[in-house]
Amino acid sequence: MERVQEAKPNAPEHPPEAWSFGSGADMANELLELALTGRKTATCSLHALYEIDDEAIPEVGGYNIILDGAGEPTAITRQTSVEIIPFNEVGEDFARAEGEGDLSYSYWHDGHVRYFSELLETYGRTFDPTMLLVCERFELCMTR
């Protein structure tokens, strides 16, 4: 990384995290396509999982490598906003920025209750509407 910093002084100090949206190949590809077309400019995750997995909370200005459903790097995003808020306080604007379904709050709400409930089950936990979310807005910086 030191040689990268010398060659590109504005490059991030640490390599970006690489991950895919959602869970499973189909969901990863579907959500990635929404981001590539500009319809998806936000994403959220459960704050509790950062604690469980001992991972750092994303920061404004941070970069991510977004993988497709096959695990191939496909895009680079940069966080433009990061907020930690309770699930039941997420607003319509953020729900719409996630770019999913009919862009309504109810679509976002119902889909995320299902998704987070299933995800938490794998950790032996249950969903609670007051759980904290890490809500990120991002911009697309590069695609392959």
N, C-alpha and C. Protein backbone atom coordinates (compact mmCIF):
# COMPACT_ATOMS: atom_id res chain seq x y z
N MET A 1 0.82 -1.18 0.00
CA MET A 1 0.00 0.00 0.00
C MET A 1 0.87 1.24 0.00
N GLU A 2 2.05 1.15 0.57
CA GLU A 2 2.96 2.29 0.61
C GLU A 2 3.32 2.76 -0.79
N ARG A 3 3.58 1.80 -1.69
CA ARG A 3 3.94 2.17 -3.08
C ARG A 3 2.76 2.82 -3.78
N VAL A 4 1.55 2.37 -3.48
CA VAL A 4 0.36 3.00 -4.07
C VAL A 4 0.28 4.44 -3.60
N GLN A 5 0.49 4.68 -2.31
CA GLN A 5 0.42 6.04 -1.77
C GLN A 5 1.46 6.95 -2.42
N GLU A 6 2.65 6.42 -2.69
CA GLU A 6 3.69 7.21 -3.35
C GLU A 6 3.27 7.55 -4.78
N ALA A 7 2.73 6.58 -5.49
CA ALA A 7 2.33 6.80 -6.88
C ALA A 7 1.05 7.62 -6.98
N LYS A 8 0.15 7.42 -6.07
CA LYS A 8 -1.16 8.11 -6.07
C LYS A 8 -1.39 8.71 -4.68
N PRO A 9 -0.89 9.90 -4.42
CA PRO A 9 -1.00 10.48 -3.08
C PRO A 9 -2.44 10.67 -2.59
N ASN A 10 -3.41 10.75 -3.49
CA ASN A 10 -4.80 10.93 -3.08
C ASN A 10 -5.53 9.61 -2.87
N ALA A 11 -4.85 8.50 -3.09
CA ALA A 11 -5.47 7.19 -2.91
C ALA A 11 -5.76 6.96 -1.44
N PRO A 12 -6.81 6.19 -1.13
CA PRO A 12 -7.11 5.90 0.28
C PRO A 12 -5.94 5.21 0.95
N GLU A 13 -5.76 5.47 2.24
CA GLU A 13 -4.65 4.89 2.99
C GLU A 13 -4.80 3.38 3.13
N HIS A 14 -6.04 2.92 3.28
CA HIS A 14 -6.31 1.49 3.42
C HIS A 14 -7.14 1.03 2.23
N PRO A 15 -6.94 -0.21 1.78
CA PRO A 15 -7.75 -0.69 0.65
C PRO A 15 -9.23 -0.68 1.02
N PRO A 16 -10.09 -0.37 0.06
CA PRO A 16 -11.53 -0.36 0.34
C PRO A 16 -12.05 -1.76 0.66
N GLU A 17 -13.13 -1.80 1.43
CA GLU A 17 -13.81 -3.06 1.71
C GLU A 17 -14.45 -3.55 0.41
N ALA A 18 -14.51 -4.85 0.24
CA ALA A 18 -15.19 -5.44 -0.92
C ALA A 18 -16.36 -6.26 -0.42
N TRP A 19 -17.54 -6.00 -0.95
CA TRP A 19 -18.75 -6.70 -0.51
C TRP A 19 -19.81 -6.58 -1.60
N SER A 20 -20.88 -7.36 -1.44
CA SER A 20 -22.00 -7.28 -2.37
C SER A 20 -23.24 -6.85 -1.60
N PHE A 21 -24.17 -6.26 -2.32
CA PHE A 21 -25.44 -5.87 -1.72
C PHE A 21 -26.25 -7.11 -1.37
N GLY A 22 -27.05 -7.03 -0.30
CA GLY A 22 -28.00 -8.09 0.03
C GLY A 22 -27.34 -9.40 0.39
N SER A 23 -28.08 -10.48 0.12
CA SER A 23 -27.55 -11.82 0.38
C SER A 23 -27.91 -12.71 -0.80
N GLY A 24 -26.97 -13.48 -1.23
CA GLY A 24 -27.19 -14.38 -2.36
C GLY A 24 -26.89 -13.70 -3.68
N ALA A 25 -26.56 -14.52 -4.66
CA ALA A 25 -26.12 -14.02 -5.96
C ALA A 25 -27.21 -13.23 -6.69
N ASP A 26 -28.44 -13.72 -6.68
CA ASP A 26 -29.51 -13.03 -7.40
C ASP A 26 -29.76 -11.64 -6.83
N MET A 27 -29.86 -11.54 -5.50
CA MET A 27 -30.10 -10.25 -4.87
C MET A 27 -28.92 -9.31 -5.10
N ALA A 28 -27.71 -9.84 -5.00
CA ALA A 28 -26.51 -9.03 -5.23
C ALA A 28 -26.53 -8.42 -6.62
N ASN A 29 -26.87 -9.24 -7.62
CA ASN A 29 -26.91 -8.74 -9.00
C ASN A 29 -28.04 -7.73 -9.21
N GLU A 30 -29.19 -8.00 -8.63
CA GLU A 30 -30.33 -7.11 -8.79
C GLU A 30 -30.05 -5.73 -8.17
N LEU A 31 -29.52 -5.72 -6.96
CA LEU A 31 -29.24 -4.45 -6.29
C LEU A 31 -28.06 -3.72 -6.93
N LEU A 32 -27.07 -4.48 -7.38
CA LEU A 32 -25.95 -3.86 -8.09
C LEU A 32 -26.43 -3.16 -9.35
N GLU A 33 -27.31 -3.80 -10.10
CA GLU A 33 -27.84 -3.20 -11.32
C GLU A 33 -28.56 -1.88 -11.00
N LEU A 34 -29.29 -1.84 -9.90
CA LEU A 34 -29.96 -0.59 -9.50
C LEU A 34 -28.93 0.50 -9.21
N ALA A 35 -27.82 0.13 -8.59
CA ALA A 35 -26.76 1.12 -8.32
C ALA A 35 -26.09 1.57 -9.61
N LEU A 36 -25.83 0.63 -10.52
CA LEU A 36 -25.16 0.98 -11.77
C LEU A 36 -26.00 1.91 -12.64
N THR A 37 -27.32 1.80 -12.54
CA THR A 37 -28.20 2.66 -13.33
C THR A 37 -28.50 3.98 -12.63
N GLY A 38 -28.01 4.13 -11.39
CA GLY A 38 -28.25 5.37 -10.65
C GLY A 38 -29.53 5.41 -9.86
N ARG A 39 -30.31 4.33 -9.91
CA ARG A 39 -31.57 4.30 -9.16
C ARG A 39 -31.31 4.07 -7.67
N LYS A 40 -30.28 3.30 -7.35
CA LYS A 40 -29.92 3.02 -5.95
C LYS A 40 -28.74 3.89 -5.56
N THR A 41 -28.96 4.78 -4.60
CA THR A 41 -27.89 5.67 -4.13
C THR A 41 -27.74 5.59 -2.61
N ALA A 42 -28.34 4.56 -2.03
CA ALA A 42 -28.27 4.39 -0.58
C ALA A 42 -28.38 2.91 -0.23
N THR A 43 -27.89 2.58 0.94
CA THR A 43 -28.00 1.22 1.46
C THR A 43 -27.97 1.28 2.97
N CYS A 44 -28.46 0.25 3.61
CA CYS A 44 -28.43 0.23 5.07
C CYS A 44 -28.09 -1.17 5.57
N SER A 45 -27.60 -1.21 6.78
CA SER A 45 -27.26 -2.47 7.42
C SER A 45 -27.51 -2.34 8.91
N LEU A 46 -27.58 -3.46 9.58
CA LEU A 46 -27.83 -3.48 11.01
C LEU A 46 -26.57 -3.10 11.79
N HIS A 47 -26.70 -2.10 12.62
CA HIS A 47 -25.58 -1.66 13.45
C HIS A 47 -25.06 -2.80 14.32
N ALA A 48 -25.95 -3.62 14.84
CA ALA A 48 -25.57 -4.72 15.72
C ALA A 48 -24.58 -5.68 15.05
N LEU A 49 -24.70 -5.85 13.73
CA LEU A 49 -23.80 -6.78 13.04
C LEU A 49 -22.37 -6.24 12.97
N TYR A 50 -22.22 -4.92 12.94
CA TYR A 50 -20.87 -4.35 13.00
C TYR A 50 -20.23 -4.69 14.34
N GLU A 51 -21.02 -4.64 15.41
CA GLU A 51 -20.51 -4.99 16.73
C GLU A 51 -20.20 -6.48 16.82
N ILE A 52 -21.13 -7.32 16.35
CA ILE A 52 -20.94 -8.77 16.40
C ILE A 52 -19.70 -9.19 15.61
N ASP A 53 -19.55 -8.63 14.41
CA ASP A 53 -18.44 -9.00 13.53
C ASP A 53 -17.18 -8.17 13.79
N ASP A 54 -17.24 -7.27 14.78
CA ASP A 54 -16.11 -6.40 15.15
C ASP A 54 -15.56 -5.64 13.93
N GLU A 55 -16.48 -5.03 13.19
CA GLU A 55 -16.13 -4.24 12.01
C GLU A 55 -16.33 -2.76 12.28
N ALA A 56 -15.55 -1.95 11.62
CA ALA A 56 -15.67 -0.50 11.76
C ALA A 56 -16.91 0.01 11.02
N ILE A 57 -17.54 1.01 11.59
CA ILE A 57 -18.68 1.66 10.94
C ILE A 57 -18.14 2.45 9.75
N PRO A 58 -18.80 2.39 8.59
CA PRO A 58 -18.35 3.17 7.44
C PRO A 58 -18.29 4.66 7.77
N GLU A 59 -17.43 5.37 7.06
CA GLU A 59 -17.28 6.81 7.28
C GLU A 59 -17.50 7.56 5.98
N VAL A 60 -17.97 8.78 6.11
CA VAL A 60 -18.13 9.65 4.95
C VAL A 60 -16.77 9.77 4.26
N GLY A 61 -16.77 9.65 2.94
CA GLY A 61 -15.54 9.71 2.17
C GLY A 61 -14.88 8.36 1.95
N GLY A 62 -15.39 7.33 2.64
CA GLY A 62 -14.83 5.99 2.47
C GLY A 62 -15.26 5.38 1.15
N TYR A 63 -14.45 4.48 0.65
CA TYR A 63 -14.72 3.81 -0.62
C TYR A 63 -15.06 2.35 -0.37
N ASN A 64 -15.82 1.76 -1.28
CA ASN A 64 -16.16 0.34 -1.25
C ASN A 64 -16.03 -0.24 -2.65
N ILE A 65 -15.58 -1.46 -2.70
CA ILE A 65 -15.59 -2.23 -3.95
C ILE A 65 -16.85 -3.08 -3.89
N ILE A 66 -17.73 -2.90 -4.86
CA ILE A 66 -18.99 -3.64 -4.88
C ILE A 66 -18.83 -4.84 -5.81
N LEU A 67 -19.13 -6.01 -5.27
CA LEU A 67 -19.00 -7.27 -6.01
C LEU A 67 -20.34 -7.64 -6.62
N ASP A 68 -20.28 -8.35 -7.76
CA ASP A 68 -21.51 -8.88 -8.33
C ASP A 68 -21.82 -10.21 -7.65
N GLY A 69 -22.87 -10.88 -8.10
CA GLY A 69 -23.30 -12.13 -7.49
C GLY A 69 -22.28 -13.25 -7.59
N ALA A 70 -21.34 -13.14 -8.51
CA ALA A 70 -20.30 -14.15 -8.66
C ALA A 70 -19.04 -13.78 -7.87
N GLY A 71 -19.10 -12.67 -7.14
CA GLY A 71 -17.94 -12.24 -6.36
C GLY A 71 -16.93 -11.44 -7.14
N GLU A 72 -17.30 -10.99 -8.34
CA GLU A 72 -16.38 -10.22 -9.17
C GLU A 72 -16.51 -8.72 -8.88
N PRO A 73 -15.41 -8.01 -8.71
CA PRO A 73 -15.47 -6.56 -8.49
C PRO A 73 -16.11 -5.88 -9.70
N THR A 74 -17.11 -5.06 -9.46
CA THR A 74 -17.87 -4.47 -10.56
C THR A 74 -17.96 -2.95 -10.47
N ALA A 75 -17.90 -2.40 -9.26
CA ALA A 75 -18.03 -0.96 -9.10
C ALA A 75 -17.28 -0.50 -7.86
N ILE A 76 -17.00 0.78 -7.83
CA ILE A 76 -16.44 1.43 -6.65
C ILE A 76 -17.39 2.56 -6.28
N THR A 77 -17.75 2.59 -5.00
CA THR A 77 -18.61 3.66 -4.49
C THR A 77 -17.87 4.43 -3.41
N ARG A 78 -18.36 5.64 -3.16
CA ARG A 78 -17.82 6.48 -2.08
C ARG A 78 -18.99 6.94 -1.23
N GLN A 79 -18.88 6.78 0.09
CA GLN A 79 -19.94 7.22 1.00
C GLN A 79 -19.99 8.75 1.04
N THR A 80 -21.18 9.28 0.83
CA THR A 80 -21.38 10.72 0.92
C THR A 80 -22.10 11.10 2.20
N SER A 81 -22.72 10.12 2.86
CA SER A 81 -23.43 10.36 4.12
C SER A 81 -23.52 9.04 4.87
N VAL A 82 -23.31 9.10 6.17
CA VAL A 82 -23.48 7.92 7.02
C VAL A 82 -24.20 8.38 8.29
N GLU A 83 -25.35 7.76 8.55
CA GLU A 83 -26.13 8.07 9.75
C GLU A 83 -26.50 6.79 10.46
N ILE A 84 -26.53 6.84 11.78
CA ILE A 84 -26.98 5.71 12.57
C ILE A 84 -28.31 6.13 13.18
N ILE A 85 -29.38 5.44 12.73
CA ILE A 85 -30.72 5.79 13.19
C ILE A 85 -31.55 4.53 13.41
N PRO A 86 -32.55 4.60 14.29
CA PRO A 86 -33.42 3.44 14.50
C PRO A 86 -34.19 3.10 13.23
N PHE A 87 -34.41 1.82 13.03
CA PHE A 87 -35.14 1.34 11.86
C PHE A 87 -36.46 2.10 11.71
N ASN A 88 -37.20 2.23 12.80
CA ASN A 88 -38.53 2.85 12.72
C ASN A 88 -38.49 4.37 12.55
N GLU A 89 -37.31 4.95 12.41
CA GLU A 89 -37.19 6.38 12.15
C GLU A 89 -36.63 6.68 10.75
N VAL A 90 -36.41 5.66 9.96
CA VAL A 90 -35.94 5.86 8.58
C VAL A 90 -37.04 6.57 7.80
N GLY A 91 -36.68 7.61 7.08
CA GLY A 91 -37.67 8.40 6.35
C GLY A 91 -37.92 7.90 4.94
N GLU A 92 -38.97 8.44 4.35
CA GLU A 92 -39.35 8.07 2.99
C GLU A 92 -38.26 8.40 1.98
N ASP A 93 -37.57 9.52 2.17
CA ASP A 93 -36.52 9.92 1.24
C ASP A 93 -35.41 8.87 1.18
N PHE A 94 -35.00 8.38 2.35
CA PHE A 94 -33.95 7.36 2.37
C PHE A 94 -34.45 6.06 1.74
N ALA A 95 -35.68 5.67 2.09
CA ALA A 95 -36.25 4.45 1.52
C ALA A 95 -36.27 4.52 0.00
N ARG A 96 -36.65 5.66 -0.53
CA ARG A 96 -36.68 5.85 -1.99
C ARG A 96 -35.27 5.78 -2.57
N ALA A 97 -34.29 6.34 -1.86
CA ALA A 97 -32.91 6.33 -2.35
C ALA A 97 -32.33 4.92 -2.42
N GLU A 98 -32.91 3.98 -1.67
CA GLU A 98 -32.44 2.59 -1.77
C GLU A 98 -32.80 1.99 -3.12
N GLY A 99 -33.77 2.59 -3.82
CA GLY A 99 -34.05 2.25 -5.21
C GLY A 99 -34.78 0.95 -5.47
N GLU A 100 -35.37 0.36 -4.46
CA GLU A 100 -35.96 -0.96 -4.62
C GLU A 100 -37.47 -0.92 -4.86
N GLY A 101 -37.97 -1.91 -5.60
CA GLY A 101 -39.41 -2.07 -5.82
C GLY A 101 -40.06 -0.85 -6.43
N ASP A 102 -41.19 -0.45 -5.84
CA ASP A 102 -41.93 0.69 -6.38
C ASP A 102 -41.47 2.01 -5.76
N LEU A 103 -40.36 1.98 -5.03
CA LEU A 103 -39.74 3.14 -4.38
C LEU A 103 -40.55 3.69 -3.21
N SER A 104 -41.59 2.99 -2.80
CA SER A 104 -42.41 3.46 -1.69
C SER A 104 -41.79 3.08 -0.34
N TYR A 105 -42.17 3.82 0.67
CA TYR A 105 -41.71 3.52 2.02
C TYR A 105 -42.24 2.14 2.46
N SER A 106 -43.48 1.84 2.15
CA SER A 106 -44.04 0.56 2.58
C SER A 106 -43.30 -0.62 1.95
N TYR A 107 -42.91 -0.50 0.68
CA TYR A 107 -42.14 -1.56 0.03
C TYR A 107 -40.80 -1.74 0.75
N TRP A 108 -40.13 -0.61 1.01
CA TRP A 108 -38.84 -0.66 1.72
C TRP A 108 -39.02 -1.28 3.10
N HIS A 109 -39.99 -0.80 3.84
CA HIS A 109 -40.22 -1.26 5.21
C HIS A 109 -40.47 -2.76 5.25
N ASP A 110 -41.43 -3.23 4.50
CA ASP A 110 -41.79 -4.65 4.53
C ASP A 110 -40.64 -5.54 4.09
N GLY A 111 -39.96 -5.13 3.02
CA GLY A 111 -38.83 -5.91 2.52
C GLY A 111 -37.68 -5.97 3.51
N HIS A 112 -37.42 -4.86 4.18
CA HIS A 112 -36.31 -4.84 5.13
C HIS A 112 -36.65 -5.55 6.44
N VAL A 113 -37.90 -5.50 6.87
CA VAL A 113 -38.29 -6.28 8.05
C VAL A 113 -38.05 -7.76 7.76
N ARG A 114 -38.48 -8.23 6.59
CA ARG A 114 -38.27 -9.64 6.20
C ARG A 114 -36.78 -9.97 6.15
N TYR A 115 -36.03 -9.13 5.42
CA TYR A 115 -34.60 -9.39 5.22
C TYR A 115 -33.85 -9.40 6.55
N PHE A 116 -34.05 -8.37 7.37
CA PHE A 116 -33.33 -8.29 8.64
C PHE A 116 -33.78 -9.39 9.60
N SER A 117 -35.04 -9.76 9.60
CA SER A 117 -35.52 -10.84 10.46
C SER A 117 -34.83 -12.15 10.12
N GLU A 118 -34.75 -12.46 8.82
CA GLU A 118 -34.08 -13.69 8.38
C GLU A 118 -32.59 -13.65 8.71
N LEU A 119 -31.97 -12.51 8.48
CA LEU A 119 -30.54 -12.37 8.75
C LEU A 119 -30.25 -12.53 10.24
N LEU A 120 -31.04 -11.88 11.07
CA LEU A 120 -30.83 -11.96 12.52
C LEU A 120 -31.04 -13.36 13.06
N GLU A 121 -31.94 -14.12 12.44
CA GLU A 121 -32.17 -15.50 12.85
C GLU A 121 -30.88 -16.31 12.79
N THR A 122 -30.05 -16.06 11.80
CA THR A 122 -28.79 -16.79 11.68
C THR A 122 -27.83 -16.48 12.82
N TYR A 123 -28.06 -15.37 13.52
CA TYR A 123 -27.25 -14.98 14.68
C TYR A 123 -27.97 -15.31 16.00
N GLY A 124 -29.12 -15.96 15.90
CA GLY A 124 -29.88 -16.28 17.09
C GLY A 124 -30.53 -15.07 17.74
N ARG A 125 -30.83 -14.07 16.94
CA ARG A 125 -31.45 -12.83 17.43
C ARG A 125 -32.76 -12.59 16.71
N THR A 126 -33.56 -11.70 17.25
CA THR A 126 -34.83 -11.36 16.63
C THR A 126 -34.86 -9.88 16.26
N PHE A 127 -35.65 -9.58 15.26
CA PHE A 127 -35.79 -8.20 14.78
C PHE A 127 -36.60 -7.37 15.76
N ASP A 128 -36.19 -6.12 15.92
CA ASP A 128 -36.90 -5.15 16.75
C ASP A 128 -36.92 -3.85 15.95
N PRO A 129 -38.08 -3.24 15.76
CA PRO A 129 -38.15 -2.02 14.94
C PRO A 129 -37.37 -0.83 15.48
N THR A 130 -36.88 -0.93 16.72
CA THR A 130 -36.06 0.17 17.25
C THR A 130 -34.57 -0.09 17.07
N MET A 131 -34.22 -1.22 16.45
CA MET A 131 -32.80 -1.53 16.22
C MET A 131 -32.16 -0.44 15.38
N LEU A 132 -30.89 -0.17 15.69
CA LEU A 132 -30.17 0.85 14.95
C LEU A 132 -29.72 0.33 13.59
N LEU A 133 -29.82 1.19 12.58
CA LEU A 133 -29.31 0.92 11.24
C LEU A 133 -28.17 1.87 10.93
N VAL A 134 -27.24 1.39 10.14
CA VAL A 134 -26.22 2.25 9.56
C VAL A 134 -26.73 2.58 8.16
N CYS A 135 -27.14 3.82 7.97
CA CYS A 135 -27.74 4.26 6.70
C CYS A 135 -26.70 5.05 5.92
N GLU A 136 -26.33 4.52 4.76
CA GLU A 136 -25.29 5.13 3.95
C GLU A 136 -25.87 5.62 2.62
N ARG A 137 -25.46 6.81 2.24
CA ARG A 137 -25.71 7.28 0.89
C ARG A 137 -24.36 7.25 0.19
N PHE A 138 -24.38 6.96 -1.10
CA PHE A 138 -23.13 6.80 -1.82
C PHE A 138 -23.23 7.35 -3.23
N GLU A 139 -22.07 7.57 -3.81
CA GLU A 139 -22.00 7.91 -5.22
C GLU A 139 -21.17 6.87 -5.92
N LEU A 140 -21.53 6.61 -7.15
CA LEU A 140 -20.81 5.65 -7.97
C LEU A 140 -19.58 6.34 -8.53
N CYS A 141 -18.41 5.77 -8.28
CA CYS A 141 -17.17 6.39 -8.74
C CYS A 141 -16.58 5.73 -9.98
N MET A 142 -16.77 4.42 -10.08
CA MET A 142 -16.17 3.68 -11.18
C MET A 142 -16.89 2.36 -11.39
N THR A 143 -17.00 1.95 -12.64
CA THR A 143 -17.54 0.63 -12.95
C THR A 143 -16.55 -0.08 -13.87
N ARG A 144 -16.70 -1.40 -13.91
CA ARG A 144 -15.75 -2.11 -14.80
C ARG A 144 -16.22 -2.10 -16.21
